[in-house]
Protein backbone atom coordinates (compact mmCIF):
# COMPACT_ATOMS: atom_id res chain seq x y z
CA UNK A 1 74.26 337.49 267.77
CA UNK A 2 73.87 338.50 271.42
CA UNK A 3 71.51 341.32 270.44
CA UNK A 4 69.46 338.87 268.34
CA UNK A 5 69.14 336.44 271.27
CA UNK A 6 68.14 339.29 273.60
CA UNK A 7 65.49 340.46 271.13
CA UNK A 8 64.18 336.91 270.70
CA UNK A 9 63.92 336.38 274.46
CA UNK A 10 62.18 339.71 274.93
CA UNK A 11 59.74 338.89 272.13
CA UNK A 12 59.06 335.48 273.68
CA UNK A 13 58.47 336.94 277.15
CA UNK A 14 56.12 339.62 275.84
CA UNK A 15 54.21 337.14 273.71
CA UNK A 16 53.95 334.67 276.57
CA UNK A 17 52.74 337.33 278.98
CA UNK A 18 49.89 338.14 276.60
CA UNK A 19 48.60 334.54 276.63
CA UNK A 20 45.82 334.59 279.21
CA UNK A 21 44.03 331.38 280.14
CA UNK A 22 40.42 332.30 280.83
CA UNK A 23 37.57 330.11 282.06
CA UNK A 24 33.97 331.31 281.74
CA UNK A 25 31.36 329.66 283.98
CA UNK A 26 27.84 330.92 283.38
CA UNK A 27 24.55 330.40 281.62
CA UNK A 28 22.59 331.77 278.66
CA UNK A 29 23.63 335.34 279.47
CA UNK A 30 27.14 334.19 278.53
CA UNK A 31 26.56 331.62 275.79
CA UNK A 32 24.00 333.63 273.81
CA UNK A 33 25.94 335.27 270.95
CA UNK A 34 28.91 333.27 272.28
CA UNK A 35 30.53 335.93 274.43
CA UNK A 36 33.67 333.79 275.05
CA UNK A 37 34.25 333.45 271.29
CA UNK A 38 33.68 337.19 270.92
CA UNK A 39 36.27 337.77 273.63
CA UNK A 40 38.74 335.56 271.78
CA UNK A 41 38.23 337.52 268.56
CA UNK A 42 38.48 340.89 270.29
CA UNK A 43 41.65 339.96 272.17
CA UNK A 44 43.38 338.50 269.12
CA UNK A 45 42.48 341.55 267.05
CA UNK A 46 44.44 343.58 269.61
CA UNK A 47 47.49 341.32 269.51
CA UNK A 48 46.75 339.10 272.52
CA UNK A 49 46.60 335.32 272.44
CA UNK A 50 44.08 334.08 275.02
CA UNK A 51 43.18 330.47 275.67
CA UNK A 52 39.49 330.53 276.46
CA UNK A 53 37.43 327.70 277.93
CA UNK A 54 33.75 327.86 278.78
CA UNK A 55 31.08 325.95 280.62
CA UNK A 56 27.59 327.38 280.16
CA UNK A 57 24.10 326.00 280.62
CA UNK A 58 20.82 327.87 280.25
CA UNK A 59 19.39 328.97 283.60
CA UNK A 60 22.24 327.35 285.52
CA UNK A 61 23.05 328.40 289.07
CA UNK A 62 26.33 328.03 290.93
CA UNK A 63 24.81 324.98 292.64
CA UNK A 64 24.29 323.38 289.24
CA UNK A 65 27.83 324.14 288.11
CA UNK A 66 29.53 322.81 291.20
CA UNK A 67 27.57 319.54 290.94
CA UNK A 68 28.23 319.05 287.23
CA UNK A 69 30.97 316.56 286.31
CA UNK A 70 31.95 318.36 283.09
CA UNK A 71 32.28 321.68 284.88
CA UNK A 72 34.27 320.00 287.65
CA UNK A 73 36.66 318.51 285.11
CA UNK A 74 37.34 321.92 283.55
CA UNK A 75 37.88 323.60 286.93
CA UNK A 76 40.14 320.85 288.23
CA UNK A 77 42.24 320.96 285.08
CA UNK A 78 43.62 324.17 286.58
CA UNK A 79 46.16 326.61 285.23
CA UNK A 80 43.74 329.46 284.54
CA UNK A 81 44.71 333.09 284.91
CA UNK A 82 41.12 334.32 285.14
CA UNK A 83 37.89 332.58 286.08
CA UNK A 84 34.73 334.56 285.37
CA UNK A 85 31.64 333.51 287.30
CA UNK A 86 28.32 334.68 285.86
CA UNK A 87 25.51 333.89 288.26
CA UNK A 88 21.92 333.09 287.38
CA UNK A 89 20.38 336.38 286.27
CA UNK A 90 18.11 336.94 289.29
CA UNK A 91 19.91 335.32 292.20
CA UNK A 92 22.39 338.08 293.20
CA UNK A 93 19.46 340.49 293.54
CA UNK A 94 18.06 338.26 296.29
CA UNK A 95 21.09 338.60 298.56
CA UNK A 96 19.81 340.18 301.77
CA UNK A 97 16.36 338.60 301.47
CA UNK A 98 15.17 335.37 303.15
CA UNK A 99 15.90 333.59 299.86
CA UNK A 100 19.44 334.92 299.72
CA UNK A 101 21.25 332.65 302.18
CA UNK A 102 21.31 329.51 299.99
CA UNK A 103 22.45 331.65 297.06
CA UNK A 104 25.33 333.06 299.08
CA UNK A 105 26.31 329.59 300.29
CA UNK A 106 26.37 328.28 296.71
CA UNK A 107 28.59 331.16 295.58
CA UNK A 108 30.90 330.66 298.56
CA UNK A 109 31.25 326.99 297.68
CA UNK A 110 31.98 327.78 294.04
CA UNK A 111 34.61 330.44 294.82
CA UNK A 112 36.33 328.14 297.33
CA UNK A 113 36.21 325.28 294.85
CA UNK A 114 37.74 327.16 291.91
CA UNK A 115 40.40 328.73 294.15
CA UNK A 116 41.34 325.33 295.57
CA UNK A 117 42.19 324.06 292.10
CA UNK A 118 43.41 327.40 290.72
CA UNK A 119 45.17 329.15 293.62
CA UNK A 120 46.85 331.77 291.42
CA UNK A 121 43.81 332.58 289.27
CA UNK A 122 41.90 335.84 289.60
CA UNK A 123 38.28 334.93 290.29
CA UNK A 124 35.92 337.61 289.02
CA UNK A 125 32.16 337.85 289.56
CA UNK A 126 30.25 339.39 286.70
CA UNK A 127 27.65 342.01 287.61
CA UNK A 128 24.96 341.47 285.03
CA UNK A 129 22.11 343.76 283.95
CA UNK A 130 18.57 344.19 285.18
CA UNK A 131 15.72 343.09 282.98
CA UNK A 132 14.36 345.81 280.74
CA UNK A 133 11.36 346.56 282.96
CA UNK A 134 12.44 344.66 286.06
CA UNK A 135 9.75 341.98 285.91
CA UNK A 136 10.15 340.74 282.32
CA UNK A 137 9.50 337.03 282.02
CA UNK A 138 8.44 336.44 285.62
CA UNK A 139 5.45 334.23 286.29
CA UNK A 140 2.78 334.73 288.91
CA UNK A 141 3.85 333.70 292.43
CA UNK A 142 7.46 334.15 291.39
CA UNK A 143 10.10 336.48 292.85
CA UNK A 144 8.36 339.54 291.40
CA UNK A 145 5.30 338.89 293.54
CA UNK A 146 7.41 338.09 296.58
CA UNK A 147 9.84 341.02 296.28
CA UNK A 148 8.18 343.82 294.29
CA UNK A 149 10.58 346.38 295.82
CA UNK A 150 13.41 344.65 293.93
CA UNK A 151 11.73 343.78 290.66
CA UNK A 152 9.35 346.65 290.12
CA UNK A 153 11.68 348.38 287.65
CA UNK A 154 14.96 348.04 285.81
CA UNK A 155 16.59 350.53 288.19
CA UNK A 156 15.57 348.68 291.37
CA UNK A 157 16.67 345.33 289.96
CA UNK A 158 20.00 346.73 288.76
CA UNK A 159 20.67 348.24 292.17
CA UNK A 160 19.97 344.89 293.87
CA UNK A 161 22.15 342.96 291.40
CA UNK A 162 25.03 345.35 291.95
CA UNK A 163 24.73 345.29 295.73
CA UNK A 164 24.33 341.52 295.95
CA UNK A 165 27.18 340.66 293.59
CA UNK A 166 29.59 343.06 295.28
CA UNK A 167 28.64 341.71 298.69
CA UNK A 168 29.39 338.14 297.64
CA UNK A 169 32.67 339.13 295.99
CA UNK A 170 33.78 340.92 299.17
CA UNK A 171 32.59 338.39 301.73
CA UNK A 172 33.93 335.34 299.90
CA UNK A 173 37.25 336.87 298.83
CA UNK A 174 36.79 336.94 295.08
CA UNK A 175 39.43 338.97 293.26
CA UNK A 176 37.00 341.57 291.99
CA UNK A 177 33.98 342.14 289.79
CA UNK A 178 33.51 342.88 286.12
CA UNK A 179 30.78 345.49 286.17
CA UNK A 180 28.80 344.98 283.00
CA UNK A 181 25.71 346.34 284.73
CA UNK A 182 27.22 349.78 285.29
CA UNK A 183 28.02 350.28 281.61
CA UNK A 184 24.63 348.83 280.64
CA UNK A 185 22.95 351.49 282.79
CA UNK A 186 25.10 354.22 281.30
CA UNK A 187 24.19 353.14 277.78
CA UNK A 188 20.48 353.03 278.61
CA UNK A 189 20.66 356.60 279.92
CA UNK A 190 23.04 358.18 277.42
CA UNK A 191 22.51 356.12 274.28
CA UNK A 192 18.99 354.62 274.32
CA UNK A 193 19.16 354.40 270.53
CA UNK A 194 21.58 351.47 270.96
CA UNK A 195 19.31 348.66 272.10
CA UNK A 196 21.13 346.10 274.24
CA UNK A 197 18.48 343.46 274.94
CA UNK A 198 17.21 340.51 273.00
CA UNK A 199 13.52 340.14 272.18
CA UNK A 200 12.59 339.00 275.68
CA UNK A 201 13.90 342.09 277.48
CA UNK A 202 16.16 339.88 279.58
CA UNK A 203 18.82 338.14 277.51
CA UNK A 204 21.43 340.21 275.70
CA UNK A 205 21.10 341.13 272.08
CA UNK A 206 24.30 341.22 270.05
CA UNK A 207 24.98 344.82 271.16
CA UNK A 208 24.66 343.72 274.78
CA UNK A 209 27.01 340.79 274.33
CA UNK A 210 29.54 343.06 272.63
CA UNK A 211 29.28 345.43 275.59
CA UNK A 212 29.88 342.60 278.08
CA UNK A 213 32.87 341.44 276.04
CA UNK A 214 34.35 344.92 275.94
CA UNK A 215 34.01 345.26 279.73
CA UNK A 216 35.79 341.96 280.37
CA UNK A 217 38.46 342.71 277.76
CA UNK A 218 39.22 346.11 279.31
CA UNK A 219 39.36 344.62 282.80
CA UNK A 220 41.75 341.81 281.90
CA UNK A 221 44.05 343.72 279.54
CA UNK A 222 43.66 347.22 281.02
CA UNK A 223 43.16 348.49 277.49
CA UNK A 224 40.35 350.23 275.66
CA UNK A 225 38.95 348.11 272.86
CA UNK A 226 39.41 349.63 269.41
CA UNK A 227 36.32 349.31 267.22
CA UNK A 228 38.45 349.59 264.08
CA UNK A 229 40.28 346.42 265.10
CA UNK A 230 37.17 344.50 266.12
CA UNK A 231 33.50 345.37 265.96
CA UNK A 232 31.97 341.94 265.38
CA UNK A 233 28.62 342.06 263.61
CA UNK A 234 27.81 345.65 264.53
CA UNK A 235 28.88 348.81 262.76
CA UNK A 236 32.07 350.58 263.79
CA UNK A 237 30.23 353.67 265.07
CA UNK A 238 28.07 351.65 267.46
CA UNK A 239 31.04 349.59 268.63
CA UNK A 240 33.06 352.75 269.22
CA UNK A 241 30.26 354.26 271.31
CA UNK A 242 30.09 351.10 273.42
CA UNK A 243 33.87 350.91 273.86
CA UNK A 244 34.01 354.58 274.88
CA UNK A 245 31.29 353.96 277.48
CA UNK A 246 33.16 350.94 278.83
CA UNK A 247 36.40 352.85 279.18
CA UNK A 248 34.70 355.86 280.77
CA UNK A 249 33.00 353.66 283.37
CA UNK A 250 35.90 351.34 284.18
């Protein structure tokens, strides 16, 4: 009987420790293909039991989120283990430019806000990916015209996104980054046959969303995703290649 009780307690503790409460705050880069739902499926396929909440709005900035009543309600509910902040797709690249100060202030306010209501949560900033050719989708007199050195190519934009996101995470005491951009770059260089973008060269296609999910999964659970257990809507071979790239670049 004693052994049975010990086993039951151990099982309960292990099961409870696997239940991660995760809050996603982002925009269309997160909600397209429903990355949070993909994360839930991937985690459960590996034996974890996450509780995932999301607040996403197309084109939204941290300023929008922090001034939105629905987002506020979710943050103030508290009790999260991880809060993943996905910034507007261009803004982190502007850190260090004259347009960067308001962006940094908005991120500082958001990090302070979520930490106030979730003092034990790990707040992670997501490093997203550069647009396929750097200037995809920009209009005349937009940031591309103002900062061609940043948006002239995918490589220059990715470098700026990485630098800006890491700077904000460090300065404002976030608990780390989830570097989707690094794996995205690796896949572009090593496996260009696996197309990651949607039709606009900016938003993620399904492959890109699976990649982002795999990066976040590996960061939270310190485990390589197994394509045989979960590959979503893509074939196992493609999923395996993506998961291998994620694990190699963790």
